[in-house]
C-alpha atoms as a PDB file:
ATOM      1  CA  MET A   1     100.624 -27.355  -5.054  1.00  0.00           C
ATOM      2  CA  ALA A   2      98.187 -29.988  -6.224  1.00  0.00           C
ATOM      3  CA  ALA A   3      98.990 -33.355  -7.719  1.00  0.00           C
ATOM      4  CA  ARG A   4      97.110 -35.438 -10.270  1.00  0.00           C
ATOM      5  CA  ILE A   5      96.854 -39.199  -9.970  1.00  0.00           C
ATOM      6  CA  TYR A   6      95.781 -40.995 -13.140  1.00  0.00           C
ATOM      7  CA  LYS A   7      96.345 -43.982 -15.365  1.00  0.00           C
ATOM      8  CA  PRO A   8      97.880 -42.793 -18.646  1.00  0.00           C
ATOM      9  CA  ALA A   9      96.093 -43.533 -21.893  1.00  0.00           C
ATOM     10  CA  LYS A  10      97.645 -45.465 -24.726  1.00  0.00           C
ATOM     11  CA  THR A  11      99.358 -43.200 -27.232  1.00  0.00           C
ATOM     12  CA  ALA A  12      98.268 -43.174 -30.850  1.00  0.00           C
ATOM     13  CA  MET A  13     101.719 -44.298 -31.964  1.00  0.00           C
ATOM     14  CA  GLN A  14     101.655 -47.694 -30.299  1.00  0.00           C
ATOM     15  CA  SER A  15      99.427 -50.709 -30.600  1.00  0.00           C
ATOM     16  CA  GLY A  16     100.422 -52.332 -27.308  1.00  0.00           C
ATOM     17  CA  ALA A  17      99.593 -51.423 -23.735  1.00  0.00           C
ATOM     18  CA  ALA A  18     103.081 -50.286 -22.707  1.00  0.00           C
ATOM     19  CA  LYS A  19     103.252 -47.693 -19.914  1.00  0.00           C
ATOM     20  CA  THR A  20      99.505 -47.838 -19.300  1.00  0.00           C
ATOM     21  CA  LYS A  21      99.391 -50.278 -16.383  1.00  0.00           C
ATOM     22  CA  ASP A  22     100.944 -48.039 -13.707  1.00  0.00           C
ATOM     23  CA  TRP A  23      99.344 -45.093 -11.936  1.00  0.00           C
ATOM     24  CA  VAL A  24     101.131 -41.774 -12.471  1.00  0.00           C
ATOM     25  CA  LEU A  25     101.419 -38.886 -10.028  1.00  0.00           C
ATOM     26  CA  ASP A  26     102.430 -35.543 -11.507  1.00  0.00           C
ATOM     27  CA  PHE A  27     102.147 -31.986 -10.275  1.00  0.00           C
ATOM     28  CA  GLU A  28     100.090 -29.147 -11.706  1.00  0.00           C
ATOM     29  CA  PRO A  29     102.134 -26.109 -12.781  1.00  0.00           C
ATOM     30  CA  GLU A  30     102.512 -23.404 -10.137  1.00  0.00           C
ATOM     31  CA  GLU A  31     103.640 -20.662 -12.505  1.00  0.00           C
ATOM     32  CA  PRO A  32     103.032 -20.080 -16.209  1.00  0.00           C
ATOM     33  CA  ARG A  33     105.639 -20.859 -18.822  1.00  0.00           C
ATOM     34  CA  THR A  34     107.610 -18.009 -20.347  1.00  0.00           C
ATOM     35  CA  VAL A  35     108.808 -17.648 -23.927  1.00  0.00           C
ATOM     36  CA  GLU A  36     112.477 -16.777 -24.441  1.00  0.00           C
ATOM     37  CA  PRO A  37     112.427 -13.880 -26.938  1.00  0.00           C
ATOM     38  CA  LEU A  38     115.537 -14.721 -28.990  1.00  0.00           C
ATOM     39  CA  MET A  39     115.067 -18.430 -29.730  1.00  0.00           C
ATOM     40  CA  GLY A  40     111.373 -18.821 -28.931  1.00  0.00           C
ATOM     41  CA  TRP A  41     111.930 -21.625 -26.423  1.00  0.00           C
ATOM     42  CA  THR A  42     109.445 -22.050 -23.614  1.00  0.00           C
ATOM     43  CA  SER A  43     110.740 -22.401 -20.090  1.00  0.00           C
ATOM     44  CA  SER A  44     109.529 -22.472 -16.533  1.00  0.00           C
ATOM     45  CA  GLY A  45     111.083 -22.044 -13.107  1.00  0.00           C
ATOM     46  CA  ASP A  46     108.778 -24.685 -11.664  1.00  0.00           C
ATOM     47  CA  MET A  47     110.889 -27.801 -11.107  1.00  0.00           C
ATOM     48  CA  ARG A  48     107.957 -29.962  -9.996  1.00  0.00           C
ATOM     49  CA  GLN A  49     106.609 -30.053 -13.558  1.00  0.00           C
ATOM     50  CA  GLN A  50     109.475 -32.399 -14.415  1.00  0.00           C
ATOM     51  CA  VAL A  51     108.590 -34.946 -11.724  1.00  0.00           C
ATOM     52  CA  LYS A  52     106.467 -37.974 -12.643  1.00  0.00           C
ATOM     53  CA  LEU A  53     106.154 -40.727 -10.104  1.00  0.00           C
ATOM     54  CA  ARG A  54     104.836 -44.166 -11.052  1.00  0.00           C
ATOM     55  CA  PHE A  55     102.993 -46.486  -8.672  1.00  0.00           C
ATOM     56  CA  ASP A  56     101.629 -49.992  -9.087  1.00  0.00           C
ATOM     57  CA  THR A  57      98.260 -49.165  -7.524  1.00  0.00           C
ATOM     58  CA  LYS A  58      96.091 -46.124  -6.959  1.00  0.00           C
ATOM     59  CA  GLU A  59      96.160 -46.724  -3.210  1.00  0.00           C
ATOM     60  CA  GLU A  60      99.975 -46.484  -3.141  1.00  0.00           C
ATOM     61  CA  ALA A  61      99.864 -43.116  -4.909  1.00  0.00           C
ATOM     62  CA  ILE A  62      97.198 -41.802  -2.520  1.00  0.00           C
ATOM     63  CA  ALA A  63      99.191 -43.040   0.492  1.00  0.00           C
ATOM     64  CA  TYR A  64     102.295 -41.250  -0.826  1.00  0.00           C
ATOM     65  CA  CYS A  65     100.381 -37.965  -1.139  1.00  0.00           C
ATOM     66  CA  GLU A  66      98.876 -38.275   2.331  1.00  0.00           C
ATOM     67  CA  ARG A  67     102.234 -39.211   3.867  1.00  0.00           C
ATOM     68  CA  HIS A  68     103.898 -36.110   2.376  1.00  0.00           C
ATOM     69  CA  GLY A  69     100.948 -33.732   2.846  1.00  0.00           C
ATOM     70  CA  ILE A  70     100.299 -33.212  -0.873  1.00  0.00           C
ATOM     71  CA  ALA A  71      96.837 -32.215  -2.058  1.00  0.00           C
ATOM     72  CA  TYR A  72      95.737 -34.564  -4.834  1.00  0.00           C
ATOM     73  CA  GLN A  73      92.970 -35.361  -7.303  1.00  0.00           C
ATOM     74  CA  VAL A  74      92.316 -38.836  -8.687  1.00  0.00           C
ATOM     75  CA  PHE A  75      91.206 -39.090 -12.308  1.00  0.00           C
ATOM     76  CA  GLU A  76      89.753 -42.423 -13.336  1.00  0.00           C
ATOM     77  CA  SER A  77      89.110 -42.877 -17.032  1.00  0.00           C
ATOM     78  CA  ALA A  78      86.446 -45.034 -18.575  1.00  0.00           C
ATOM     79  CA  ARG A  79      88.324 -47.261 -20.985  1.00  0.00           C
ATOM     80  CA  THR A  80      86.606 -48.586 -24.058  1.00  0.00           C
ATOM     81  CA  VAL A  81      87.671 -51.788 -25.726  1.00  0.00           C
ATOM     82  CA  ARG A  82      87.543 -51.833 -29.501  1.00  0.00           C
ATOM     83  CA  ARG A  83      86.834 -54.962 -31.431  1.00  0.00           C
ATOM     84  CA  GLY A  84      89.815 -55.937 -33.540  1.00  0.00           C
ATOM     85  CA  LEU A  85      89.285 -55.760 -37.295  1.00  0.00           C
ATOM     86  CA  SER A  86      91.285 -57.437 -39.961  1.00  0.00           C
ATOM     87  CA  TYR A  87      92.022 -56.244 -43.476  1.00  0.00           C
ATOM     88  CA  SER A  88      89.744 -58.876 -44.968  1.00  0.00           C
ATOM     89  CA  ASP A  89      86.767 -57.400 -43.068  1.00  0.00           C
ATOM     90  CA  ASN A  90      86.850 -54.492 -45.539  1.00  0.00           C
ATOM     91  CA  PHE A  91      85.712 -56.856 -48.292  1.00  0.00           C
ATOM     92  CA  ALA A  92      83.302 -59.089 -46.356  1.00  0.00           C
ATOM     93  CA  PHE A  93      79.798 -59.720 -47.720  1.00  0.00           C
ATOM     94  CA  LYS A  94      78.261 -59.029 -44.304  1.00  0.00           C
ATOM     95  CA  ARG A  95      79.653 -55.490 -44.353  1.00  0.00           C
ATOM     96  CA  ARG A  96      77.041 -52.876 -43.389  1.00  0.00           C
ATOM     97  CA  ASP A  97      78.154 -50.078 -45.720  1.00  0.00           C
ATOM     98  CA  ALA A  98      78.971 -50.290 -49.384  1.00  0.00           C
ATOM     99  CA  TRP A  99      82.651 -50.466 -50.083  1.00  0.00           C
ATOM    100  CA  THR A 100      83.765 -47.870 -52.629  1.00  0.00           C
ATOM    101  CA  HIS A 101      87.013 -46.265 -53.609  1.00  0.00           C
END
């Protein structure tokens, strides 16, 4: 049983930074998912896949794993910050590319 410790990325459906400040600990699946033949639902007998623990810092998550004897991997992502653009920038004279329909 191995655990992953990471900071979740911002979803494509939100513009804010909600749920991206905490560190998340979740477990890797121990057994593959099975497909129920009648309805086509996927299921698993692994209950640890449903557990997601949130911590304020990476050190707290690592301390939790070491205290409970859980093997873990820490994934740190390189975040890129995009420059905010406004609608009027599409029509600016200093635009690099030609604006066409």
